Protein backbone atom coordinates (compact mmCIF):
# COMPACT_ATOMS: atom_id res chain seq x y z
CA MET A 1 149.82 -11.57 -3.53
CA MET A 2 151.07 -8.05 -3.94
CA LYS A 3 152.04 -8.86 -7.48
CA LYS A 4 148.50 -10.02 -8.35
CA LEU A 5 146.98 -6.91 -6.83
CA PHE A 6 149.34 -4.76 -8.87
CA GLU A 7 148.40 -6.63 -12.03
CA VAL A 8 144.66 -6.17 -11.42
CA HIS A 9 145.02 -2.38 -11.25
CA LYS A 10 147.69 -2.13 -13.85
CA GLY A 11 146.71 0.20 -16.67
CA GLN A 12 143.73 1.77 -14.78
CA LYS A 13 143.66 5.49 -14.09
CA GLY A 14 142.32 7.11 -10.97
CA ILE A 15 139.85 10.04 -10.98
CA THR A 16 141.56 13.22 -9.89
CA GLY A 17 140.01 15.74 -7.54
CA LEU A 18 139.74 18.26 -10.37
CA GLU A 19 137.70 15.90 -12.54
CA THR A 20 135.43 15.13 -9.65
CA ALA A 21 134.89 18.81 -9.02
CA ILE A 22 134.04 19.41 -12.70
CA ILE A 23 131.45 16.59 -12.65
CA LEU A 24 129.89 17.95 -9.46
CA ILE A 25 129.78 21.47 -10.89
CA ALA A 26 128.06 20.12 -14.04
CA PHE A 27 125.45 18.34 -11.92
CA VAL A 28 124.84 21.55 -9.92
CA VAL A 29 124.48 23.65 -13.07
CA VAL A 30 122.04 21.18 -14.65
CA ALA A 31 120.00 21.04 -11.43
CA ALA A 32 119.96 24.85 -11.19
CA VAL A 33 118.77 25.21 -14.81
CA PHE A 34 116.10 22.60 -14.24
CA ALA A 35 114.94 24.28 -11.01
CA TYR A 36 114.84 27.68 -12.75
CA THR A 37 112.77 26.22 -15.59
CA VAL A 38 110.30 24.64 -13.19
CA LEU A 39 110.05 27.85 -11.13
CA SER A 40 109.57 29.99 -14.27
CA ALA A 41 106.83 27.65 -15.53
CA GLY A 42 105.11 27.85 -12.14
CA LEU A 43 105.25 31.65 -12.07
CA PHE A 44 103.95 31.82 -15.65
CA ALA A 45 101.07 29.49 -14.83
CA THR A 46 100.27 31.55 -11.73
CA GLN A 47 100.27 34.77 -13.75
CA LYS A 48 98.00 33.31 -16.41
CA SER A 49 95.65 32.03 -13.71
CA GLN A 50 95.46 35.49 -12.20
CA GLU A 51 94.76 37.03 -15.60
CA ALA A 52 91.98 34.50 -16.18
CA VAL A 53 90.44 35.23 -12.79
CA TYR A 54 90.60 39.02 -13.29
CA ALA A 55 89.16 38.70 -16.81
CA GLY A 56 86.32 36.55 -15.53
CA LEU A 57 85.63 38.97 -12.68
CA LYS A 58 85.64 41.94 -15.07
CA GLU A 59 83.19 40.18 -17.38
CA ALA A 60 80.93 39.25 -14.50
CA GLN A 61 80.99 42.82 -13.16
CA GLY A 62 80.28 44.13 -16.64
CA SER A 63 77.14 42.01 -17.03
CA LEU A 64 73.56 43.18 -16.96
CA GLU A 65 70.81 41.84 -14.74
CA LEU A 66 67.10 41.87 -15.58
CA ARG A 67 65.17 43.66 -12.86
CA SER A 68 61.61 43.39 -14.10
CA GLY A 69 59.21 41.45 -16.28
CA ILE A 70 59.19 41.80 -20.06
CA VAL A 71 56.31 44.17 -20.87
CA ALA A 72 54.82 44.06 -24.36
CA THR A 73 52.51 46.72 -25.82
CA ALA A 74 50.11 45.72 -28.56
CA ASN A 75 49.69 47.31 -31.94
CA ASN A 76 46.49 45.34 -32.51
CA THR A 77 44.79 43.25 -29.82
CA GLY A 78 42.99 39.92 -30.05
CA ALA A 79 43.66 36.40 -31.30
CA SER A 80 45.28 37.83 -34.45
CA GLY A 81 46.94 40.85 -32.78
CA ASN A 82 50.60 41.85 -32.89
CA VAL A 83 53.19 43.56 -30.68
CA GLN A 84 54.71 46.96 -31.40
CA GLN A 85 56.79 47.71 -28.30
CA ILE A 86 58.75 45.86 -25.63
CA SER A 87 60.22 47.26 -22.43
CA PHE A 88 62.20 45.95 -19.45
CA ILE A 89 64.40 47.21 -16.59
CA VAL A 90 68.09 46.39 -16.16
CA SER A 91 70.82 47.02 -13.58
CA ASN A 92 74.49 46.19 -13.14
CA ALA A 93 75.15 42.64 -11.97
CA LEU A 94 77.39 42.41 -8.89
CA GLY A 95 77.50 46.18 -8.63
CA GLY A 96 79.92 46.18 -11.52
CA GLU A 97 81.56 48.74 -13.73
CA PRO A 98 79.50 51.59 -15.24
CA MET A 99 78.11 50.86 -18.70
CA ASP A 100 77.41 53.42 -21.38
CA PHE A 101 73.69 53.41 -22.16
CA THR A 102 73.62 56.30 -24.58
CA ALA A 103 70.30 55.68 -26.36
CA SER A 104 70.21 54.90 -30.07
CA THR A 105 69.37 57.67 -32.53
CA ALA A 106 66.09 57.39 -34.41
CA ASN A 107 66.14 56.99 -38.19
CA THR A 108 63.57 59.68 -38.79
CA SER A 109 63.88 59.57 -42.57
CA SER A 110 62.41 56.09 -42.78
CA ASN A 111 61.05 55.34 -39.28
CA ASN A 112 62.02 51.72 -39.84
CA GLY A 113 62.51 50.71 -36.20
CA ILE A 114 66.29 50.38 -36.70
CA ALA A 115 68.90 52.69 -35.10
CA ASN A 116 70.31 55.34 -37.42
CA SER A 117 73.60 54.34 -39.08
CA GLY A 118 75.36 57.26 -37.37
CA SER A 119 73.93 56.47 -33.91
CA SER A 120 76.41 56.66 -31.01
CA ASN A 121 74.83 53.89 -28.92
CA LYS A 122 77.29 51.36 -27.49
CA VAL A 123 74.61 48.87 -26.45
CA ILE A 124 73.15 46.88 -29.33
CA ILE A 125 69.70 45.27 -29.04
CA SER A 126 68.71 42.51 -31.44
CA TYR A 127 65.57 40.48 -32.06
CA VAL A 128 65.41 36.80 -33.04
CA ASP A 129 62.55 34.39 -33.72
CA GLN A 130 62.06 31.37 -35.98
CA ASN A 131 61.37 33.60 -38.98
CA GLN A 132 63.91 36.38 -38.71
CA SER A 133 66.83 38.06 -37.01
CA VAL A 134 67.08 41.89 -36.76
CA ASP A 135 70.11 43.71 -35.33
CA ASP A 136 70.55 47.18 -33.80
CA LEU A 137 66.92 47.94 -33.07
CA TYR A 138 65.90 51.48 -32.18
CA TRP A 139 65.50 51.87 -28.42
CA THR A 140 65.24 54.55 -25.77
CA VAL A 141 66.16 54.66 -22.04
CA THR A 142 64.25 56.00 -19.01
CA LYS A 143 66.18 56.45 -15.76
CA LEU A 144 64.30 55.21 -12.72
CA GLY A 145 64.65 56.03 -9.03
CA SER A 146 67.82 57.61 -7.71
CA THR A 147 70.09 58.17 -10.70
CA ASP A 148 72.48 60.89 -11.82
CA SER A 149 72.29 62.89 -15.03
CA ASP A 150 74.78 60.90 -17.16
CA ASP A 151 74.04 57.94 -19.41
CA LEU A 152 76.17 55.48 -17.43
CA LEU A 153 74.38 52.61 -15.77
CA GLU A 154 76.13 52.54 -12.40
CA GLN A 155 75.83 50.64 -9.16
CA ASP A 156 72.33 50.80 -7.57
CA GLU A 157 70.83 52.45 -10.70
CA ARG A 158 67.92 51.16 -12.77
CA PHE A 159 67.33 51.89 -16.45
CA LYS A 160 64.12 51.10 -18.28
CA ILE A 161 64.83 50.09 -21.89
CA THR A 162 62.04 50.54 -24.42
CA ILE A 163 62.28 49.05 -27.92
CA GLY A 164 60.40 51.21 -30.40
CA ASN A 165 58.00 54.08 -30.02
CA SER A 166 54.35 53.77 -29.07
CA ALA A 167 52.93 54.55 -32.51
CA VAL A 168 53.65 52.88 -35.81
CA GLY A 169 55.89 54.99 -38.03
CA ALA A 170 56.46 57.63 -35.36
CA GLY A 171 59.86 58.91 -34.21
CA GLY A 172 62.04 56.10 -35.39
CA GLY A 173 59.45 53.36 -35.65
CA ASN A 174 58.96 50.21 -33.59
CA LEU A 175 58.79 46.40 -33.95
CA VAL A 176 56.02 46.55 -36.54
CA ASP A 177 58.31 48.66 -38.70
CA ALA A 178 61.48 46.69 -37.93
CA LEU A 179 60.26 43.14 -38.36
CA GLY A 180 59.50 41.52 -41.67
CA THR A 181 57.03 39.19 -39.94
CA ASP A 182 54.98 40.65 -37.12
CA LEU A 183 55.38 39.41 -33.55
CA THR A 184 51.96 37.79 -33.13
CA VAL A 185 50.33 35.23 -30.85
CA SER A 186 52.06 32.07 -29.61
CA THR A 187 55.46 33.12 -30.92
CA GLU A 188 58.70 32.31 -29.16
CA PHE A 189 61.29 35.09 -29.50
CA SER A 190 64.52 36.40 -27.99
CA ILE A 191 65.70 39.90 -27.22
CA ILE A 192 69.52 40.02 -27.10
CA VAL A 193 71.26 42.92 -25.33
CA SER A 194 74.94 43.20 -26.21
CA THR A 195 77.14 45.54 -24.17
CA PRO A 196 80.74 46.68 -24.84
CA ILE A 197 81.99 44.52 -21.93
CA GLY A 198 80.57 41.54 -20.10
CA ALA A 199 78.25 38.76 -21.07
CA VAL A 200 75.29 39.08 -23.40
CA LEU A 201 71.85 39.38 -21.77
CA GLU A 202 69.39 37.18 -23.69
CA LEU A 203 65.69 37.42 -22.81
CA GLU A 204 63.52 34.56 -24.12
CA ARG A 205 59.75 34.80 -24.01
CA THR A 206 56.62 33.48 -25.79
CA THR A 207 53.61 35.64 -26.63
CA PRO A 208 50.21 34.39 -25.38
CA VAL A 209 47.37 33.10 -27.58
CA TYR A 210 45.56 36.44 -27.12
CA ILE A 211 47.26 39.83 -27.42
CA ASP A 212 46.18 42.34 -24.77
CA THR A 213 46.94 46.04 -24.84
CA ILE A 214 49.61 45.63 -22.18
CA MET A 215 51.11 42.23 -21.31
CA ASN A 216 53.71 41.00 -18.83
CA LEU A 217 55.44 38.16 -20.66
CA ARG A 218 56.50 35.76 -17.90
């Protein structure tokens, strides 16, 4: 019996304690590397999530909010009239970061209703309808209520934005000068306000079938 048992194990080598320790150490090292990789990936994902949240919050706080109706002023009234001026009031959404509303500079040499090429305005106002698209319109700002003396639109402040002057060809021009096709009756159009930060404010309206001197485009 003892002879058979000896023959069964003859030629086989036992695993020494040192070899066992090396194998265990290798397992521990692999597990540690894997754990570090998983932890690093988790921290990276968390950091990216935080960046995305902060970027979204910054964009939301840098967005504008419409605080009035869209008021249109006629150049000519009636069923074949046209619009020369548009105005509206804006504020900061969510009480966000101050925005530079330095008004555009008039192009007095041509009075074409477009901001001068050297204008320092950071806010760009564009016009779009089915016939045309015009960028960087000439506009002015009027501070309403309790505001300070700077051109920053800050929390709890209201700025009235007016596109174009009240007379054709005067002081930089207006929509009649800027548009190739007049803004007339029953026309759907968009006013797009682009700021340095935050989302774009797009105002979509349709003119009525009869142009009055002053109209609130609802």
